[in-house]
N, C-alpha and C. Protein backbone atom coordinates (compact mmCIF):
# COMPACT_ATOMS: atom_id res chain seq x y z
N UNK A 1 74.15 -30.16 -52.49
CA UNK A 1 73.34 -30.14 -51.39
C UNK A 1 73.26 -28.90 -50.71
N UNK A 2 72.12 -28.70 -50.22
CA UNK A 2 72.01 -27.32 -49.69
C UNK A 2 72.00 -27.45 -48.22
N UNK A 3 72.50 -26.23 -47.58
CA UNK A 3 72.61 -26.23 -46.22
C UNK A 3 71.30 -25.93 -45.64
N UNK A 4 70.71 -26.48 -44.55
CA UNK A 4 69.58 -25.97 -43.99
C UNK A 4 69.68 -24.63 -43.43
N UNK A 5 68.83 -23.85 -43.43
CA UNK A 5 68.74 -22.35 -42.98
C UNK A 5 68.56 -22.41 -41.33
N UNK A 6 69.16 -21.47 -40.69
CA UNK A 6 69.09 -21.52 -39.25
C UNK A 6 67.74 -21.34 -38.81
N UNK A 7 67.30 -21.88 -37.71
CA UNK A 7 65.94 -21.48 -37.18
C UNK A 7 65.54 -20.15 -37.13
N UNK A 8 64.47 -19.64 -37.48
CA UNK A 8 63.82 -18.26 -37.36
C UNK A 8 63.85 -17.93 -35.89
N UNK A 9 64.15 -16.66 -35.46
CA UNK A 9 63.79 -16.38 -34.03
C UNK A 9 62.25 -16.09 -33.75
N UNK A 10 61.56 -15.95 -34.74
CA UNK A 10 60.17 -15.69 -34.77
C UNK A 10 59.30 -16.87 -35.00
N UNK A 11 58.12 -17.20 -34.43
CA UNK A 11 57.50 -18.27 -34.68
C UNK A 11 56.97 -18.17 -35.82
N UNK A 12 56.42 -19.15 -36.82
CA UNK A 12 55.81 -18.99 -37.99
C UNK A 12 54.58 -18.37 -38.05
N UNK A 13 54.26 -17.54 -38.88
CA UNK A 13 52.85 -16.90 -39.15
C UNK A 13 51.76 -17.93 -39.14
N UNK A 14 50.60 -17.71 -38.49
CA UNK A 14 49.54 -18.52 -38.96
C UNK A 14 48.72 -17.88 -39.87
N UNK A 15 48.13 -18.52 -40.97
CA UNK A 15 47.36 -17.87 -41.80
C UNK A 15 45.97 -17.29 -41.27
N UNK A 16 45.68 -16.02 -41.67
CA UNK A 16 44.28 -15.68 -41.05
C UNK A 16 43.15 -16.43 -41.74
N UNK A 17 42.10 -16.55 -40.93
CA UNK A 17 40.87 -17.11 -41.43
C UNK A 17 40.44 -16.16 -42.48
N UNK A 18 39.59 -16.65 -43.45
CA UNK A 18 39.02 -15.69 -44.39
C UNK A 18 37.97 -15.02 -43.64
N UNK A 19 37.96 -13.59 -44.06
CA UNK A 19 37.05 -12.84 -43.31
C UNK A 19 35.61 -12.78 -43.93
N UNK A 20 34.54 -12.78 -43.08
CA UNK A 20 33.25 -13.05 -43.47
C UNK A 20 32.87 -11.59 -43.71
N UNK A 21 31.87 -11.60 -44.73
CA UNK A 21 31.14 -10.34 -45.10
C UNK A 21 30.11 -9.95 -44.11
N UNK A 22 29.96 -8.80 -43.81
CA UNK A 22 29.06 -8.36 -42.74
C UNK A 22 29.44 -8.55 -41.32
N UNK A 23 30.40 -9.08 -40.97
CA UNK A 23 30.85 -9.49 -39.64
C UNK A 23 31.87 -8.67 -39.25
N UNK A 24 31.79 -7.79 -38.04
CA UNK A 24 32.99 -6.93 -37.80
C UNK A 24 33.88 -7.73 -36.96
N UNK A 25 35.17 -7.39 -36.88
CA UNK A 25 36.10 -8.16 -36.03
C UNK A 25 35.91 -7.94 -34.68
N UNK A 26 36.03 -8.91 -33.83
CA UNK A 26 35.78 -8.65 -32.33
C UNK A 26 36.66 -7.54 -31.84
N UNK A 27 36.00 -6.64 -31.09
CA UNK A 27 36.66 -5.60 -30.42
C UNK A 27 37.46 -5.91 -29.25
N UNK A 28 38.48 -5.24 -29.24
CA UNK A 28 39.38 -5.36 -28.03
C UNK A 28 38.88 -4.89 -26.82
N UNK A 29 38.97 -5.23 -25.63
CA UNK A 29 38.59 -4.78 -24.39
C UNK A 29 39.48 -3.68 -24.21
N UNK A 30 38.82 -2.51 -24.45
CA UNK A 30 39.62 -1.24 -24.22
C UNK A 30 39.10 -0.65 -22.86
N UNK A 31 39.52 0.45 -22.39
CA UNK A 31 38.92 1.28 -21.20
C UNK A 31 37.66 1.84 -21.72
N UNK A 32 37.60 2.31 -22.81
CA UNK A 32 36.32 2.93 -23.23
C UNK A 32 35.25 2.08 -23.43
N UNK A 33 35.34 0.77 -23.70
CA UNK A 33 34.34 -0.35 -23.84
C UNK A 33 33.99 -0.61 -22.37
N UNK A 34 34.73 -0.83 -21.44
CA UNK A 34 34.53 -0.97 -20.18
C UNK A 34 33.52 -0.03 -19.59
N UNK A 35 33.98 1.27 -19.82
CA UNK A 35 33.25 2.51 -19.30
C UNK A 35 31.92 2.45 -19.70
N UNK A 36 31.56 1.89 -20.91
CA UNK A 36 30.17 1.98 -21.63
C UNK A 36 29.45 0.86 -20.79
N UNK A 37 29.95 -0.12 -20.72
CA UNK A 37 29.32 -1.31 -19.85
C UNK A 37 29.12 -0.76 -18.45
N UNK A 38 29.97 -0.28 -17.78
CA UNK A 38 29.64 0.21 -16.45
C UNK A 38 28.65 1.30 -16.45
N UNK A 39 28.50 2.19 -17.46
CA UNK A 39 27.53 3.31 -17.49
C UNK A 39 26.19 2.41 -17.93
N UNK A 40 26.23 1.67 -18.60
CA UNK A 40 24.95 0.78 -18.87
C UNK A 40 24.35 0.16 -17.73
N UNK A 41 25.23 -0.44 -16.81
CA UNK A 41 24.77 -1.11 -15.49
C UNK A 41 24.40 -0.13 -14.60
N UNK A 42 24.94 1.07 -14.58
CA UNK A 42 24.64 1.92 -13.57
C UNK A 42 23.29 2.68 -14.04
N UNK A 43 23.07 2.94 -15.39
CA UNK A 43 21.72 3.63 -15.80
C UNK A 43 20.71 2.53 -15.61
N UNK A 44 20.91 1.26 -15.80
CA UNK A 44 19.82 0.31 -15.43
C UNK A 44 19.46 0.21 -13.89
N UNK A 45 20.48 0.44 -13.18
CA UNK A 45 20.13 0.32 -11.58
C UNK A 45 19.41 1.61 -11.14
N UNK A 46 19.79 2.72 -11.83
CA UNK A 46 18.98 3.98 -11.57
C UNK A 46 17.66 3.98 -11.89
N UNK A 47 17.40 3.29 -13.14
CA UNK A 47 16.09 3.13 -13.66
C UNK A 47 15.27 2.25 -12.79
N UNK A 48 15.75 1.10 -12.38
CA UNK A 48 15.01 0.30 -11.41
C UNK A 48 14.80 0.96 -10.19
N UNK A 49 15.65 1.70 -9.51
CA UNK A 49 15.45 2.33 -8.30
C UNK A 49 14.39 3.50 -8.57
N UNK A 50 14.43 4.09 -9.65
CA UNK A 50 13.24 4.98 -9.86
C UNK A 50 11.82 4.40 -9.84
N UNK A 51 11.77 3.44 -10.72
CA UNK A 51 10.59 2.67 -10.94
C UNK A 51 10.18 2.20 -9.36
N UNK A 52 11.10 1.57 -8.75
CA UNK A 52 10.72 0.96 -7.27
C UNK A 52 10.25 2.17 -6.49
N UNK A 53 10.85 3.26 -6.47
CA UNK A 53 10.57 4.50 -5.81
C UNK A 53 9.10 4.99 -6.09
N UNK A 54 8.83 4.96 -7.53
CA UNK A 54 7.43 5.36 -8.00
C UNK A 54 6.47 4.39 -7.44
N UNK A 55 6.68 3.13 -7.37
CA UNK A 55 5.77 2.22 -6.85
C UNK A 55 5.50 2.48 -5.38
N UNK A 56 6.38 2.75 -4.67
CA UNK A 56 6.62 3.01 -3.25
C UNK A 56 5.59 4.22 -2.92
N UNK A 57 5.97 5.40 -3.84
CA UNK A 57 5.29 6.70 -3.84
C UNK A 57 3.66 6.47 -4.09
N UNK A 58 3.30 5.63 -4.97
CA UNK A 58 1.96 5.38 -5.27
C UNK A 58 1.31 4.66 -4.21
N UNK A 59 1.89 3.72 -3.61
CA UNK A 59 1.36 3.02 -2.52
C UNK A 59 1.14 3.78 -1.23
N UNK A 60 2.02 4.69 -0.89
CA UNK A 60 1.89 5.71 0.21
C UNK A 60 0.89 6.67 -0.03
N UNK A 61 0.84 7.10 -1.20
CA UNK A 61 -0.22 8.16 -1.57
C UNK A 61 -1.64 7.52 -1.49
N UNK A 62 -1.75 6.27 -1.83
CA UNK A 62 -3.11 5.60 -1.82
C UNK A 62 -3.46 5.22 -0.59
N UNK A 63 -2.45 5.11 0.35
CA UNK A 63 -2.86 4.87 1.81
C UNK A 63 -3.37 6.14 2.42
N UNK A 64 -2.66 7.13 2.15
CA UNK A 64 -2.93 8.42 2.76
C UNK A 64 -4.18 9.16 2.14
N UNK A 65 -4.56 8.60 0.95
CA UNK A 65 -5.83 9.22 0.38
C UNK A 65 -6.81 8.14 0.17
N UNK A 66 -7.71 7.90 1.20
CA UNK A 66 -8.53 6.87 0.81
C UNK A 66 -9.58 7.24 -0.17
N UNK A 67 -10.42 6.30 -0.73
CA UNK A 67 -11.30 6.60 -1.90
C UNK A 67 -12.38 7.70 -1.21
N UNK A 68 -12.72 8.43 -2.27
CA UNK A 68 -13.68 9.52 -1.87
C UNK A 68 -15.02 8.77 -1.40
N UNK A 69 -15.63 9.47 -0.49
CA UNK A 69 -16.95 8.88 -0.11
C UNK A 69 -18.09 9.33 -0.94
N UNK A 70 -18.07 8.70 -1.96
CA UNK A 70 -19.04 8.87 -2.94
C UNK A 70 -20.15 7.92 -3.05
N UNK A 71 -20.01 6.86 -2.11
CA UNK A 71 -21.20 6.09 -1.81
C UNK A 71 -21.29 5.81 -0.33
N UNK A 72 -22.45 5.78 0.13
CA UNK A 72 -22.54 5.56 1.67
C UNK A 72 -21.73 4.60 2.45
N UNK A 73 -21.69 3.41 1.66
CA UNK A 73 -21.02 2.34 2.62
C UNK A 73 -19.52 2.66 2.41
N UNK A 74 -18.97 3.11 1.37
CA UNK A 74 -17.40 3.56 1.58
C UNK A 74 -17.18 4.66 2.37
N UNK A 75 -18.19 5.55 2.73
CA UNK A 75 -18.07 6.48 3.70
C UNK A 75 -17.93 5.92 5.15
N UNK A 76 -18.75 4.98 5.35
CA UNK A 76 -18.77 4.26 6.68
C UNK A 76 -17.57 3.41 6.83
N UNK A 77 -17.26 2.61 5.84
CA UNK A 77 -16.14 2.14 5.95
C UNK A 77 -14.81 2.82 6.23
N UNK A 78 -14.64 3.95 5.58
CA UNK A 78 -13.60 4.83 5.75
C UNK A 78 -13.70 5.45 7.20
N UNK A 79 -14.68 5.91 7.65
CA UNK A 79 -15.00 6.42 8.99
C UNK A 79 -14.55 5.38 10.04
N UNK A 80 -15.02 4.01 9.82
CA UNK A 80 -14.78 3.01 10.72
C UNK A 80 -13.24 2.71 11.07
N UNK A 81 -12.56 2.79 9.64
CA UNK A 81 -11.23 2.38 9.60
C UNK A 81 -10.33 3.46 10.31
N UNK A 82 -10.72 4.56 9.92
CA UNK A 82 -9.99 5.74 10.74
C UNK A 82 -10.23 5.95 12.21
N UNK A 83 -11.44 5.76 12.64
CA UNK A 83 -11.80 5.71 14.09
C UNK A 83 -11.35 4.69 14.85
N UNK A 84 -11.65 3.41 14.41
CA UNK A 84 -11.46 2.25 15.20
C UNK A 84 -10.23 1.46 14.91
N UNK A 85 -9.68 1.54 13.70
CA UNK A 85 -8.55 0.88 13.44
C UNK A 85 -7.23 1.71 13.60
N UNK A 86 -7.24 2.93 12.92
CA UNK A 86 -6.19 3.79 13.03
C UNK A 86 -6.27 4.60 14.34
N UNK A 87 -7.44 4.74 15.07
CA UNK A 87 -7.51 5.28 16.27
C UNK A 87 -7.26 6.86 16.17
N UNK A 88 -7.69 7.49 15.08
CA UNK A 88 -7.32 8.89 14.78
C UNK A 88 -8.63 9.64 14.85
N UNK A 89 -8.96 10.04 16.05
CA UNK A 89 -10.47 10.71 16.44
C UNK A 89 -10.30 12.12 15.49
N UNK A 90 -9.42 12.98 15.51
CA UNK A 90 -9.68 14.19 14.61
C UNK A 90 -9.62 13.85 13.09
N UNK A 91 -8.96 12.84 12.70
CA UNK A 91 -9.20 12.52 11.31
C UNK A 91 -10.47 11.94 10.94
N UNK A 92 -11.05 11.00 12.04
CA UNK A 92 -12.54 10.64 11.82
C UNK A 92 -13.52 11.72 11.72
N UNK A 93 -13.28 12.83 12.40
CA UNK A 93 -14.13 14.10 12.49
C UNK A 93 -14.18 14.77 11.22
N UNK A 94 -13.07 14.64 10.31
CA UNK A 94 -13.17 15.26 9.08
C UNK A 94 -14.09 14.56 8.11
N UNK A 95 -14.44 13.04 8.48
CA UNK A 95 -15.41 12.27 7.57
C UNK A 95 -16.85 12.48 8.09
N UNK A 96 -17.10 13.22 9.19
CA UNK A 96 -18.37 13.10 9.82
C UNK A 96 -18.93 14.65 9.54
N UNK A 97 -20.08 14.77 10.05
CA UNK A 97 -20.90 16.15 10.07
C UNK A 97 -20.20 16.98 11.06
N UNK A 98 -20.48 18.26 11.04
CA UNK A 98 -19.81 19.07 12.04
C UNK A 98 -20.32 18.91 13.41
N UNK A 99 -21.62 18.56 13.65
CA UNK A 99 -22.24 18.23 14.91
C UNK A 99 -21.85 16.78 15.32
N UNK A 100 -20.85 16.79 16.14
CA UNK A 100 -20.58 15.29 16.37
C UNK A 100 -21.23 14.71 17.57
N UNK A 101 -22.22 15.38 18.04
CA UNK A 101 -22.97 14.78 19.46
C UNK A 101 -23.66 13.43 19.17
N UNK A 102 -24.16 13.45 17.84
CA UNK A 102 -24.72 12.14 17.39
C UNK A 102 -23.76 10.87 17.29
N UNK A 103 -22.47 11.11 17.38
CA UNK A 103 -21.17 10.17 17.21
C UNK A 103 -21.01 9.76 18.46
N UNK A 104 -21.37 10.20 19.68
CA UNK A 104 -20.95 10.00 20.94
C UNK A 104 -20.76 8.47 21.22
N UNK A 105 -21.91 7.66 20.85
CA UNK A 105 -21.89 6.25 21.23
C UNK A 105 -20.68 5.42 20.35
N UNK A 106 -20.29 5.87 19.18
CA UNK A 106 -19.25 5.09 18.61
C UNK A 106 -17.89 5.70 19.10
N UNK A 107 -17.85 6.92 19.41
CA UNK A 107 -16.51 7.50 19.96
C UNK A 107 -16.38 6.74 21.39
N UNK A 108 -17.43 6.67 22.03
CA UNK A 108 -17.35 6.04 23.49
C UNK A 108 -16.80 4.51 23.19
N UNK A 109 -17.22 3.80 22.21
CA UNK A 109 -16.69 2.38 21.78
C UNK A 109 -14.95 2.58 21.81
N UNK A 110 -14.67 3.52 21.10
CA UNK A 110 -13.23 3.72 21.05
C UNK A 110 -12.53 3.91 22.46
N UNK A 111 -13.22 4.92 23.16
CA UNK A 111 -12.58 5.02 24.69
C UNK A 111 -12.77 3.72 25.45
N UNK A 112 -13.73 2.89 25.26
CA UNK A 112 -13.73 1.56 25.98
C UNK A 112 -12.75 0.67 25.56
N UNK A 113 -12.62 0.77 24.38
CA UNK A 113 -11.48 -0.29 23.77
C UNK A 113 -10.07 0.21 24.33
N UNK A 114 -9.90 1.43 24.49
CA UNK A 114 -8.54 2.14 25.11
C UNK A 114 -8.43 1.65 26.46
N UNK A 115 -9.49 1.80 27.30
CA UNK A 115 -9.56 1.51 28.77
C UNK A 115 -9.36 0.07 29.08
N UNK A 116 -9.96 -0.81 28.24
CA UNK A 116 -9.79 -2.14 28.32
C UNK A 116 -8.30 -2.62 28.02
N UNK A 117 -7.63 -2.12 27.13
CA UNK A 117 -6.25 -2.35 26.67
C UNK A 117 -5.31 -1.94 27.84
N UNK A 118 -5.67 -0.81 28.48
CA UNK A 118 -4.75 -0.33 29.78
C UNK A 118 -5.11 -1.45 30.95
N UNK A 119 -6.28 -1.48 31.12
CA UNK A 119 -6.85 -2.10 32.43
C UNK A 119 -6.43 -3.62 32.45
N UNK A 120 -6.68 -4.51 31.15
CA UNK A 120 -6.46 -5.78 31.27
C UNK A 120 -5.08 -6.15 30.43
N UNK A 121 -4.47 -5.28 29.96
CA UNK A 121 -3.09 -5.59 29.28
C UNK A 121 -3.61 -6.60 28.07
N UNK A 122 -4.39 -6.26 27.26
CA UNK A 122 -4.88 -7.00 26.23
C UNK A 122 -4.81 -5.98 24.91
N UNK A 123 -4.89 -6.56 23.76
CA UNK A 123 -5.02 -5.73 22.44
C UNK A 123 -6.62 -5.86 22.00
N UNK A 124 -7.08 -4.67 21.75
CA UNK A 124 -8.70 -4.67 21.37
C UNK A 124 -8.55 -4.41 20.08
N UNK A 125 -9.17 -5.21 19.08
CA UNK A 125 -9.37 -5.10 17.81
C UNK A 125 -10.88 -5.04 17.34
N UNK A 126 -11.28 -3.99 16.57
CA UNK A 126 -12.68 -4.05 16.02
C UNK A 126 -12.68 -4.00 14.60
N UNK A 127 -13.60 -4.96 14.09
CA UNK A 127 -13.79 -5.21 12.72
C UNK A 127 -15.29 -5.19 12.22
N UNK A 128 -15.66 -5.21 10.98
CA UNK A 128 -17.01 -5.07 10.74
C UNK A 128 -17.19 -5.92 9.50
N UNK A 129 -18.43 -6.31 9.36
CA UNK A 129 -18.97 -7.18 8.41
C UNK A 129 -19.43 -6.39 7.18
N UNK A 130 -20.49 -7.11 6.36
CA UNK A 130 -21.01 -6.38 5.36
C UNK A 130 -21.86 -5.15 5.66
N UNK A 131 -21.69 -4.17 4.77
CA UNK A 131 -22.49 -2.95 4.92
C UNK A 131 -23.64 -2.90 4.01
N UNK A 132 -24.71 -2.73 4.73
CA UNK A 132 -26.08 -2.80 4.10
C UNK A 132 -26.60 -1.28 4.04
N UNK A 133 -26.90 -0.76 2.90
CA UNK A 133 -27.16 0.56 2.70
C UNK A 133 -28.53 0.60 2.27
N UNK A 134 -29.27 1.64 2.85
CA UNK A 134 -30.69 2.08 2.82
C UNK A 134 -30.61 3.55 2.51
N UNK A 135 -31.07 3.84 1.29
CA UNK A 135 -30.93 5.34 0.77
C UNK A 135 -32.32 5.92 1.01
N UNK A 136 -32.38 7.05 1.66
CA UNK A 136 -33.69 7.82 1.97
C UNK A 136 -33.63 9.08 1.04
N UNK A 137 -33.81 8.91 -0.28
CA UNK A 137 -33.68 10.16 -1.19
C UNK A 137 -32.39 10.23 -1.69
N UNK A 138 -32.28 11.54 -2.15
CA UNK A 138 -30.93 11.71 -2.72
C UNK A 138 -29.69 12.23 -1.67
N UNK A 139 -30.19 12.64 -0.41
CA UNK A 139 -29.28 13.32 0.34
C UNK A 139 -29.13 12.55 1.69
N UNK A 140 -29.92 11.49 1.91
CA UNK A 140 -29.88 10.86 3.12
C UNK A 140 -29.77 9.47 2.89
N UNK A 141 -29.06 8.72 3.85
CA UNK A 141 -28.86 7.29 3.80
C UNK A 141 -28.52 6.69 5.19
N UNK A 142 -28.76 5.39 5.36
CA UNK A 142 -28.32 4.83 6.58
C UNK A 142 -27.63 3.61 6.33
N UNK A 143 -26.65 3.10 6.89
CA UNK A 143 -25.85 1.97 6.67
C UNK A 143 -25.85 1.09 8.12
N UNK A 144 -26.22 -0.14 7.86
CA UNK A 144 -25.97 -1.20 8.98
C UNK A 144 -25.00 -2.10 8.73
N UNK A 145 -24.30 -2.45 9.95
CA UNK A 145 -23.39 -3.39 9.89
C UNK A 145 -23.10 -4.01 11.36
N UNK A 146 -22.34 -5.17 11.24
CA UNK A 146 -22.03 -5.80 12.65
C UNK A 146 -20.64 -5.53 12.95
N UNK A 147 -20.41 -4.78 14.12
CA UNK A 147 -19.11 -4.69 14.67
C UNK A 147 -18.64 -5.75 15.47
N UNK A 148 -17.50 -6.37 15.23
CA UNK A 148 -16.85 -7.41 16.13
C UNK A 148 -15.73 -6.79 17.05
N UNK A 149 -15.94 -6.79 18.34
CA UNK A 149 -15.03 -6.35 19.30
C UNK A 149 -14.26 -7.44 19.90
N UNK A 150 -13.01 -7.59 19.61
CA UNK A 150 -12.26 -8.80 20.22
C UNK A 150 -11.08 -8.43 20.99
N UNK A 151 -10.91 -9.13 22.23
CA UNK A 151 -9.89 -8.98 23.16
C UNK A 151 -8.90 -10.11 22.89
N UNK A 152 -7.68 -9.66 22.56
CA UNK A 152 -6.55 -10.42 22.22
C UNK A 152 -5.43 -10.37 23.37
N UNK A 153 -5.05 -11.78 23.81
CA UNK A 153 -3.77 -11.61 24.71
C UNK A 153 -2.92 -12.59 24.14
N UNK A 154 -1.65 -12.26 24.07
CA UNK A 154 -0.63 -13.20 23.64
C UNK A 154 -1.08 -13.91 22.20
N UNK A 155 -1.48 -13.13 21.32
CA UNK A 155 -2.10 -13.61 20.03
C UNK A 155 -3.31 -14.35 20.02
N UNK A 156 -3.95 -14.67 21.23
CA UNK A 156 -5.13 -15.50 21.23
C UNK A 156 -6.27 -14.60 21.51
N UNK A 157 -7.49 -14.96 20.72
CA UNK A 157 -8.69 -14.21 21.10
C UNK A 157 -9.35 -14.69 22.49
N UNK A 158 -9.39 -13.76 23.43
CA UNK A 158 -9.73 -13.95 24.88
C UNK A 158 -11.18 -13.79 24.88
N UNK A 159 -11.66 -12.75 24.25
CA UNK A 159 -13.11 -12.44 24.47
C UNK A 159 -13.54 -11.90 23.06
N UNK A 160 -14.87 -12.11 22.88
CA UNK A 160 -15.18 -11.52 21.42
C UNK A 160 -16.84 -11.03 21.65
N UNK A 161 -17.25 -9.87 21.13
CA UNK A 161 -18.80 -9.63 21.05
C UNK A 161 -19.12 -9.04 19.72
N UNK A 162 -20.34 -9.23 19.35
CA UNK A 162 -20.78 -8.65 18.15
C UNK A 162 -22.05 -7.71 18.49
N UNK A 163 -21.97 -6.58 17.85
CA UNK A 163 -22.93 -5.55 18.03
C UNK A 163 -23.41 -5.03 16.45
N UNK A 164 -24.74 -4.98 16.54
CA UNK A 164 -25.27 -4.47 15.11
C UNK A 164 -25.32 -2.93 15.39
N UNK A 165 -24.93 -2.17 14.52
CA UNK A 165 -24.91 -0.66 14.50
C UNK A 165 -25.51 -0.11 13.27
N UNK A 166 -26.19 1.06 13.42
CA UNK A 166 -26.63 1.89 12.29
C UNK A 166 -26.06 3.28 12.27
N UNK A 167 -25.56 3.76 11.04
CA UNK A 167 -24.95 4.87 10.88
C UNK A 167 -25.88 5.67 9.89
N UNK A 168 -26.13 7.04 10.32
CA UNK A 168 -26.78 8.03 9.49
C UNK A 168 -25.80 8.78 8.77
N UNK A 169 -26.11 9.08 7.47
CA UNK A 169 -25.19 9.73 6.54
C UNK A 169 -26.05 10.90 5.84
N UNK A 170 -25.35 11.95 5.65
CA UNK A 170 -25.98 13.08 4.91
C UNK A 170 -24.92 13.44 3.69
N UNK A 171 -25.44 13.78 2.46
CA UNK A 171 -24.66 13.92 1.31
C UNK A 171 -24.62 15.62 1.29
N UNK A 172 -23.34 15.99 1.17
CA UNK A 172 -22.94 17.39 1.20
C UNK A 172 -21.88 17.71 0.14
N UNK A 173 -21.97 16.88 -0.97
CA UNK A 173 -20.89 16.87 -1.86
C UNK A 173 -19.99 15.62 -1.77
N UNK A 174 -20.10 15.06 -0.48
CA UNK A 174 -19.52 13.74 -0.28
C UNK A 174 -20.34 13.17 1.01
N UNK A 175 -20.52 11.87 1.13
CA UNK A 175 -21.26 11.36 2.14
C UNK A 175 -20.38 11.49 3.48
N UNK A 176 -21.19 12.03 4.51
CA UNK A 176 -20.71 12.16 5.85
C UNK A 176 -21.43 11.45 6.78
N UNK A 177 -20.68 10.82 7.78
CA UNK A 177 -21.33 10.05 8.89
C UNK A 177 -21.91 11.19 9.82
N UNK A 178 -23.07 11.20 10.26
CA UNK A 178 -23.69 12.15 11.00
C UNK A 178 -24.33 11.46 12.36
N UNK A 179 -24.40 10.20 12.44
CA UNK A 179 -24.84 9.59 13.41
C UNK A 179 -24.46 8.06 13.55
N UNK A 180 -24.41 7.63 14.77
CA UNK A 180 -23.95 5.95 14.86
C UNK A 180 -24.68 5.58 16.20
N UNK A 181 -25.48 4.59 16.15
CA UNK A 181 -26.10 4.13 17.25
C UNK A 181 -26.08 2.56 17.23
N UNK A 182 -26.12 1.87 18.33
CA UNK A 182 -26.24 0.28 18.41
C UNK A 182 -27.71 -0.01 17.86
N UNK A 183 -28.06 -0.97 17.11
CA UNK A 183 -29.43 -1.39 16.99
C UNK A 183 -29.81 -2.33 17.92
């Protein structure tokens, strides 16, 4: 009779599963692998921020550079937006002819809107409808539209009026607004 062997201080070895061809053994999580993952995540975040920044830059550039006044209605639309929405008189004059005397009526409308805001403590908003173009040859055009002047208090329209206006334009490499009068 044989005497049993004393128990081994080491647990019995498990047989290894057969190795499959073309499959690499799993890599152990080493500091080098963690650094690669961290670098990949950081690179992805930087790329996303650059793409987002590019989108913001394009949007800001587009707002700062309105479309060229290559057609009369675009010229009037740009002029009205700069003058009556942005309320930037010097910038609006860059879109106009050098002789601004014939623009006094539309500039007076801006002054009237500012005066009403101060006097009645309301917000005055000006909007316009469709722009109808009549071209008089290659270098002259007129554009007609309806301007709506609305007084708002506490977010509600308190008064509103609609006026028809005619704008005269001249082509000098781009369309420029040279006159504005109520019809």
